[in-house]
Amino acid sequence: MSLLVSEYLQFTADEIPVEKNFVIDGTEYKFLLQYNSYGDFYTMTIKDLSDNVLITNKLTYLVPINDSVVDGLSITKQIIPINYDDPETNVEVNKANFWLITIMLAEVTG
C-alpha cells in the first residue's frame, strides 16, 4: 500500500476539543476532534453545515476515518492519522503521542 498525500488537516493537542471547518472536494464540513481521557484516545466527528453527524470514528494509526459509505459525505480521499516523518512505525494515537500524528488527506494506491 502506498499513500499519495494531497494535504492535511491542521490540529494541535493544545486546542482539543476543537471544531474546525474544512473544504474538501468542493464541500465544506465541520470536523470535531475530541479526547477521551478515560480510554486515552481521540475521536473525530465529521458533520455537515447543519450540524448533522455524518460519521464518528476513533483515531487509529493508518486506519481511514471515513472508512464507509455515508449519505452526505462525499469526500473521495481517505482521512488517515499518520506519523508523516516515520510512517512505517506504528504509533498509538493517544495523548502522549498525539504530537507525532498528522491527519492526512490521501489517495491509497497499490
Protein backbone atom coordinates (compact mmCIF):
# COMPACT_ATOMS: atom_id res chain seq x y z
CA MET A 1 0.00 0.00 0.00
CA SER A 2 1.24 3.49 -0.77
CA LEU A 3 -0.29 6.86 0.01
CA LEU A 4 -0.46 9.81 -2.34
CA VAL A 5 -0.81 12.67 0.15
CA SER A 6 -2.52 15.80 -1.10
CA GLU A 7 -2.98 17.89 2.07
CA TYR A 8 -3.52 17.66 5.79
CA LEU A 9 -6.00 18.88 8.39
CA GLN A 10 -4.32 21.15 10.93
CA PHE A 11 -4.97 20.20 14.58
CA THR A 12 -2.81 20.58 17.68
CA ALA A 13 -3.19 18.85 21.04
CA ASP A 14 -3.42 22.19 22.85
CA GLU A 15 -6.68 23.18 21.13
CA ILE A 16 -8.63 19.93 21.70
CA PRO A 17 -11.60 19.73 21.97
CA VAL A 18 -11.98 21.77 18.80
CA GLU A 19 -14.32 22.10 15.86
CA LYS A 20 -12.98 23.44 12.56
CA ASN A 21 -14.42 23.81 9.10
CA PHE A 22 -12.56 22.45 6.08
CA VAL A 23 -13.48 22.44 2.40
CA ILE A 24 -12.69 19.05 0.86
CA ASP A 25 -13.56 18.08 -2.70
CA GLY A 26 -15.54 21.33 -3.02
CA THR A 27 -17.79 20.72 0.01
CA GLU A 28 -17.45 22.33 3.43
CA TYR A 29 -17.62 20.08 6.50
CA LYS A 30 -17.27 20.58 10.24
CA PHE A 31 -14.61 18.44 11.92
CA LEU A 32 -14.88 17.91 15.67
CA LEU A 33 -11.81 16.45 17.35
CA GLN A 34 -12.18 15.28 20.96
CA TYR A 35 -10.09 13.47 23.55
CA ASN A 36 -11.44 10.65 25.73
CA SER A 37 -9.43 10.79 28.96
CA TYR A 38 -10.96 7.58 30.32
CA GLY A 39 -9.72 5.48 27.38
CA ASP A 40 -6.79 7.74 26.38
CA PHE A 41 -7.85 8.07 22.74
CA TYR A 42 -9.12 10.65 20.25
CA THR A 43 -12.27 10.69 18.16
CA MET A 44 -13.16 12.65 15.06
CA THR A 45 -16.69 13.54 14.07
CA ILE A 46 -17.49 14.89 10.62
CA LYS A 47 -20.68 16.94 10.34
CA ASP A 48 -22.43 18.83 7.58
CA LEU A 49 -23.01 22.58 7.94
CA SER A 50 -26.43 21.91 9.51
CA ASP A 51 -24.67 20.04 12.35
CA ASN A 52 -25.92 16.63 11.20
CA VAL A 53 -23.37 13.99 12.23
CA LEU A 54 -22.16 12.12 9.15
CA ILE A 55 -19.55 9.86 10.76
CA THR A 56 -17.66 9.45 14.03
CA ASN A 57 -14.60 7.27 14.48
CA LYS A 58 -11.77 6.67 16.90
CA LEU A 59 -8.40 7.78 15.53
CA THR A 60 -6.38 4.66 14.87
CA TYR A 61 -2.98 4.74 13.21
CA LEU A 62 -3.17 4.31 9.41
CA VAL A 63 -6.91 3.46 9.56
CA PRO A 64 -9.10 5.80 7.48
CA ILE A 65 -11.60 7.80 9.50
CA ASN A 66 -14.00 7.84 6.56
CA ASP A 67 -13.92 4.08 6.04
CA SER A 68 -17.53 3.58 4.99
CA VAL A 69 -20.07 4.97 2.54
CA VAL A 70 -22.23 7.60 4.24
CA ASP A 71 -25.06 9.68 2.80
CA GLY A 72 -24.00 13.31 2.69
CA LEU A 73 -20.27 12.56 2.96
CA SER A 74 -18.72 12.88 -0.48
CA ILE A 75 -15.02 13.02 0.40
CA THR A 76 -13.13 10.95 -2.17
CA LYS A 77 -9.78 10.98 -0.36
CA GLN A 78 -9.17 8.96 2.79
CA ILE A 79 -8.61 10.81 6.06
CA ILE A 80 -5.76 8.97 7.76
CA PRO A 81 -3.87 9.57 11.03
CA ILE A 82 -0.18 9.04 10.29
CA ASN A 83 3.28 9.88 11.58
CA TYR A 84 4.41 11.67 8.43
CA ASP A 85 8.09 11.63 9.43
CA ASP A 86 8.13 7.85 10.05
CA PRO A 87 5.01 6.27 8.51
CA GLU A 88 6.28 2.69 8.81
CA THR A 89 6.40 2.80 12.62
CA ASN A 90 3.03 2.08 14.22
CA VAL A 91 2.16 4.81 16.73
CA GLU A 92 -0.60 4.60 19.31
CA VAL A 93 -2.85 7.64 18.79
CA ASN A 94 -3.03 8.75 22.43
CA LYS A 95 -2.23 11.83 24.49
CA ALA A 96 1.47 11.00 24.82
CA ASN A 97 1.94 10.57 21.06
CA PHE A 98 -0.58 12.96 19.52
CA TRP A 99 2.16 15.46 18.69
CA LEU A 100 3.58 12.85 16.26
CA ILE A 101 0.30 12.44 14.37
CA THR A 102 -0.80 14.33 11.27
CA ILE A 103 -4.32 13.94 9.89
CA MET A 104 -3.65 13.46 6.17
CA LEU A 105 -5.91 13.51 3.15
CA ALA A 106 -4.58 10.83 0.87
CA GLU A 107 -5.37 8.59 -2.04
CA VAL A 108 -4.43 4.99 -1.37
CA THR A 109 -2.75 3.20 -4.27
CA GLY A 110 -1.49 -0.32 -4.74
